[in-house]
Amino acid sequence: MNRVPVIFCLLIILVSRESFSQKKPAEWYVTANGNLYMPVGTRTKGTYPILGYDKTTSPKILLGGIGIGAAMLKPLSKDLKFKAQANFSKHTYWDEPVMMKDYVASSIGYFQSGSSDYGLGIAGMIHYFPVEAFSIGAGISAQINVISFSRTPGMYIGAEIDPGFVVNRYYKTVLPMIPVELSYKLKKVLFNVRYEAALMNRIKGDLADFRSDKFSLLTFELGFQIH
């Protein structure tokens, strides 16, 4: 197939859309989100609630994935807009259970640890608006891991366990993902529900040969227009 005519037609379409978009200013939003880390390819991790309570855990109040960010919507045509966004978020999940032992090495059961990744998410998407207030978009995104902590068993204080923390160093720094997003837009407020699926195993090095963690994210986002 000759690709030259196809590319030429695409350029004409983009130029015509650019002339339209020059008449429509970009919209800028500040955003806040709650998110669910959804493990894929591993049976040892679990989804952590955005906000919950469990009397058997420490701490008992469970605060999961949250974040803040910014987004921009730029018109391309009557029905299409380009969306760029960035957010800094905490993604929390139940990590692998750890077998606990007492001071004489007797087993006392498993410790279910909560882990959190702190990182920057960036995305570029094309949104289609079948009606004025509702749109569906898709594109490409990436999660940039800044630091990851796991809550681990610490030492006994009486009958209580004082948990500690350890830095996870076996995750890749940059992970490409595919986002699909549904948006509902009011005059100055934007509601988003976004699902992002990782394209590869996030475990790096030799550990990736026998461990898989191909996670996905479900994000609920609220944006307020500032310009």
Protein backbone atom coordinates (compact mmCIF):
# COMPACT_ATOMS: atom_id res chain seq x y z
CA MET A 1 0.00 0.00 0.00
CA ASN A 2 1.32 3.46 -0.97
CA ARG A 3 1.52 5.46 2.25
CA VAL A 4 2.24 8.85 0.62
CA PRO A 5 -1.40 9.71 -0.31
CA VAL A 6 -2.56 8.59 3.13
CA ILE A 7 0.01 10.77 4.90
CA PHE A 8 -0.85 13.69 2.58
CA CYS A 9 -4.56 13.37 3.44
CA LEU A 10 -3.76 13.24 7.15
CA LEU A 11 -1.70 16.41 6.87
CA ILE A 12 -4.58 18.20 5.13
CA ILE A 13 -6.96 17.11 7.91
CA LEU A 14 -4.54 18.25 10.62
CA VAL A 15 -4.04 21.64 8.94
CA SER A 16 -7.78 22.17 8.61
CA ARG A 17 -8.28 21.21 12.27
CA GLU A 18 -5.49 23.53 13.33
CA SER A 19 -7.26 26.47 11.67
CA PHE A 20 -10.35 25.53 13.70
CA SER A 21 -8.44 25.07 16.94
CA GLN A 22 -6.79 28.49 16.63
CA LYS A 23 -10.23 30.01 17.14
CA LYS A 24 -10.81 28.00 20.33
CA PRO A 25 -8.53 28.61 23.35
CA ALA A 26 -7.19 25.74 25.42
CA GLU A 27 -8.89 24.92 28.72
CA TRP A 28 -6.72 24.39 31.81
CA TYR A 29 -7.72 22.42 34.91
CA VAL A 30 -6.30 21.56 38.31
CA THR A 31 -7.21 18.01 39.29
CA ALA A 32 -7.49 15.72 42.29
CA ASN A 33 -7.84 11.96 42.07
CA GLY A 34 -8.50 8.76 43.94
CA ASN A 35 -7.08 5.64 42.34
CA LEU A 36 -7.09 1.86 42.63
CA TYR A 37 -3.94 -0.13 41.86
CA MET A 38 -5.16 -3.33 40.19
CA PRO A 39 -2.51 -6.09 40.12
CA VAL A 40 -2.19 -8.15 36.92
CA GLY A 41 0.04 -11.16 36.44
CA THR A 42 0.53 -11.79 40.15
CA ARG A 43 -1.62 -13.65 42.70
CA THR A 44 0.16 -12.32 45.75
CA LYS A 45 -0.96 -8.68 45.57
CA GLY A 46 -4.40 -7.22 46.21
CA THR A 47 -6.36 -4.03 45.56
CA TYR A 48 -6.28 -1.54 48.45
CA PRO A 49 -9.33 0.71 49.07
CA ILE A 50 -9.12 4.43 48.39
CA LEU A 51 -10.59 4.97 51.85
CA GLY A 52 -11.60 2.24 54.29
CA TYR A 53 -11.51 0.84 57.81
CA ASP A 54 -10.24 -2.52 59.04
CA LYS A 55 -9.92 -3.22 62.77
CA THR A 56 -7.48 -6.09 62.12
CA THR A 57 -4.86 -3.93 60.39
CA SER A 58 -2.35 -1.33 61.55
CA PRO A 59 -3.25 1.44 60.94
CA LYS A 60 -6.98 0.75 61.11
CA ILE A 61 -7.89 3.69 58.84
CA LEU A 62 -6.92 2.70 55.31
CA LEU A 63 -5.98 5.56 52.99
CA GLY A 64 -5.17 4.31 49.52
CA GLY A 65 -4.35 5.93 46.21
CA ILE A 66 -4.69 9.71 45.96
CA GLY A 67 -3.09 12.43 43.85
CA ILE A 68 -3.11 15.95 42.41
CA GLY A 69 -2.32 17.26 38.97
CA ALA A 70 -3.16 19.44 35.99
CA ALA A 71 -4.84 18.90 32.61
CA MET A 72 -5.23 20.79 29.35
CA LEU A 73 -7.93 20.40 26.67
CA LYS A 74 -7.15 21.82 23.22
CA PRO A 75 -9.83 21.76 20.48
CA LEU A 76 -8.83 20.05 17.23
CA SER A 77 -12.19 20.12 15.50
CA LYS A 78 -15.86 20.36 16.39
CA ASP A 79 -15.90 16.86 17.89
CA LEU A 80 -12.25 16.23 18.80
CA LYS A 81 -9.99 17.62 21.52
CA PHE A 82 -6.42 16.85 22.47
CA LYS A 83 -5.92 16.25 26.19
CA ALA A 84 -2.57 16.44 27.95
CA GLN A 85 -2.25 15.81 31.66
CA ALA A 86 0.22 15.23 34.45
CA ASN A 87 -0.34 14.19 38.03
CA PHE A 88 1.65 13.25 41.09
CA SER A 89 -0.02 10.35 42.85
CA LYS A 90 0.32 7.70 45.51
CA HIS A 91 -0.71 4.20 44.36
CA THR A 92 -1.33 1.81 47.27
CA TYR A 93 -1.86 -1.96 47.21
CA TRP A 94 -1.71 -5.04 49.41
CA ASP A 95 1.73 -6.55 48.91
CA GLU A 96 2.88 -10.15 49.30
CA PRO A 97 2.00 -11.71 52.70
CA VAL A 98 5.02 -12.16 54.98
CA MET A 99 5.31 -15.12 57.36
CA MET A 100 5.74 -13.88 60.95
CA LYS A 101 7.72 -15.71 63.65
CA ASP A 102 8.12 -15.00 67.33
CA TYR A 103 11.38 -14.70 69.29
CA VAL A 104 11.79 -18.48 69.42
CA ALA A 105 11.18 -18.83 65.64
CA SER A 106 7.68 -20.26 66.00
CA SER A 107 5.27 -19.32 63.23
CA ILE A 108 2.49 -16.93 64.26
CA GLY A 109 0.90 -16.46 60.82
CA TYR A 110 1.15 -14.09 57.91
CA PHE A 111 1.55 -10.32 58.00
CA GLN A 112 -0.36 -8.57 55.18
CA SER A 113 1.65 -5.49 54.27
CA GLY A 114 0.47 -2.41 52.46
CA SER A 115 2.82 -0.86 49.90
CA SER A 116 2.74 2.53 48.19
CA ASP A 117 4.35 3.84 45.01
CA TYR A 118 4.85 7.60 44.63
CA GLY A 119 5.26 8.79 41.09
CA LEU A 120 4.48 11.09 38.20
CA GLY A 121 1.88 10.11 35.63
CA ILE A 122 1.80 11.79 32.20
CA ALA A 123 -0.63 11.20 29.35
CA GLY A 124 -1.63 12.43 25.92
CA MET A 125 -5.05 11.47 24.55
CA ILE A 126 -7.50 12.33 21.78
CA HIS A 127 -11.06 12.82 23.08
CA TYR A 128 -14.14 12.40 20.91
CA PHE A 129 -17.27 14.35 21.93
CA PRO A 130 -20.45 12.68 20.56
CA VAL A 131 -22.35 15.30 22.59
CA GLU A 132 -21.15 18.56 24.11
CA ALA A 133 -20.72 17.39 27.71
CA PHE A 134 -19.56 13.77 27.28
CA SER A 135 -16.40 12.38 25.68
CA ILE A 136 -14.34 9.24 25.35
CA GLY A 137 -10.59 9.33 24.84
CA ALA A 138 -7.57 7.12 24.35
CA GLY A 139 -3.87 7.58 23.76
CA ILE A 140 -0.62 6.75 25.49
CA SER A 141 0.64 7.39 29.02
CA ALA A 142 3.54 6.59 31.31
CA GLN A 143 4.06 6.10 35.04
CA ILE A 144 7.39 7.42 36.35
CA ASN A 145 8.23 5.81 39.68
CA VAL A 146 9.89 8.23 42.13
CA ILE A 147 9.99 5.92 45.18
CA SER A 148 8.18 2.84 46.45
CA PHE A 149 7.74 1.76 50.09
CA SER A 150 6.55 -1.51 51.60
CA ARG A 151 5.25 -1.74 55.15
CA THR A 152 7.07 -4.60 56.83
CA PRO A 153 6.92 -6.38 60.20
CA GLY A 154 9.11 -4.64 62.73
CA MET A 155 9.67 -5.54 66.34
CA TYR A 156 7.34 -6.49 69.17
CA ILE A 157 6.34 -3.88 71.75
CA GLY A 158 4.45 -5.91 74.34
CA ALA A 159 1.78 -7.74 72.35
CA GLU A 160 1.81 -5.21 69.52
CA ILE A 161 3.82 -5.24 66.31
CA ASP A 162 5.62 -2.02 65.44
CA PRO A 163 5.79 -2.08 61.62
CA GLY A 164 8.69 -0.64 59.69
CA PHE A 165 9.22 0.38 56.08
CA VAL A 166 11.55 -0.74 53.32
CA VAL A 167 12.27 0.85 49.94
CA ASN A 168 11.42 -1.32 46.92
CA ARG A 169 14.29 -1.16 44.42
CA TYR A 170 13.17 -3.80 41.93
CA TYR A 171 10.63 -1.68 39.98
CA LYS A 172 11.38 0.01 36.65
CA THR A 173 11.56 3.79 36.73
CA VAL A 174 9.43 4.40 33.61
CA LEU A 175 6.53 2.19 32.59
CA PRO A 176 4.56 2.86 29.36
CA MET A 177 0.79 2.37 29.56
CA ILE A 178 -2.35 2.62 27.44
CA PRO A 179 -5.13 4.85 28.86
CA VAL A 180 -8.85 4.83 28.05
CA GLU A 181 -10.90 7.62 29.61
CA LEU A 182 -14.52 8.67 29.98
CA SER A 183 -15.19 12.35 30.74
CA TYR A 184 -18.20 14.41 31.69
CA LYS A 185 -17.76 18.16 31.39
CA LEU A 186 -19.83 20.85 33.06
CA LYS A 187 -19.19 24.57 32.64
CA LYS A 188 -16.16 24.73 34.96
CA VAL A 189 -15.90 21.17 36.29
CA LEU A 190 -14.54 18.01 34.67
CA PHE A 191 -15.22 14.44 35.85
CA ASN A 192 -12.94 11.67 34.57
CA VAL A 193 -12.84 7.91 34.95
CA ARG A 194 -9.62 6.53 33.48
CA TYR A 195 -8.29 2.99 33.10
CA GLU A 196 -4.60 2.50 32.29
CA ALA A 197 -3.00 -0.84 31.46
CA ALA A 198 0.75 -1.42 31.60
CA LEU A 199 2.43 -2.71 28.44
CA MET A 200 5.20 -4.67 30.17
CA ASN A 201 6.37 -6.27 33.38
CA ARG A 202 7.31 -3.56 35.89
CA ILE A 203 9.87 -5.83 37.61
CA LYS A 204 13.42 -5.17 36.45
CA GLY A 205 16.68 -7.10 36.43
CA ASP A 206 17.10 -10.83 37.05
CA LEU A 207 14.01 -10.85 39.26
CA ALA A 208 11.86 -10.32 36.16
CA ASP A 209 12.79 -13.81 34.93
CA PHE A 210 10.57 -15.47 37.55
CA ARG A 211 8.28 -12.66 38.78
CA SER A 212 5.57 -10.79 36.92
CA ASP A 213 3.76 -7.59 37.92
CA LYS A 214 1.91 -6.13 34.93
CA PHE A 215 -0.41 -3.84 36.85
CA SER A 216 -3.22 -1.48 35.82
CA LEU A 217 -4.79 1.63 37.37
CA LEU A 218 -8.40 2.74 37.74
CA THR A 219 -8.56 6.48 38.47
CA PHE A 220 -11.48 8.69 39.50
CA GLU A 221 -10.61 12.32 38.86
CA LEU A 222 -12.20 15.72 39.49
CA GLY A 223 -10.95 18.82 37.69
CA PHE A 224 -11.67 22.54 38.19
CA GLN A 225 -11.13 24.92 35.29
CA ILE A 226 -8.70 27.76 36.03
CA HIS A 227 -8.40 29.27 32.52
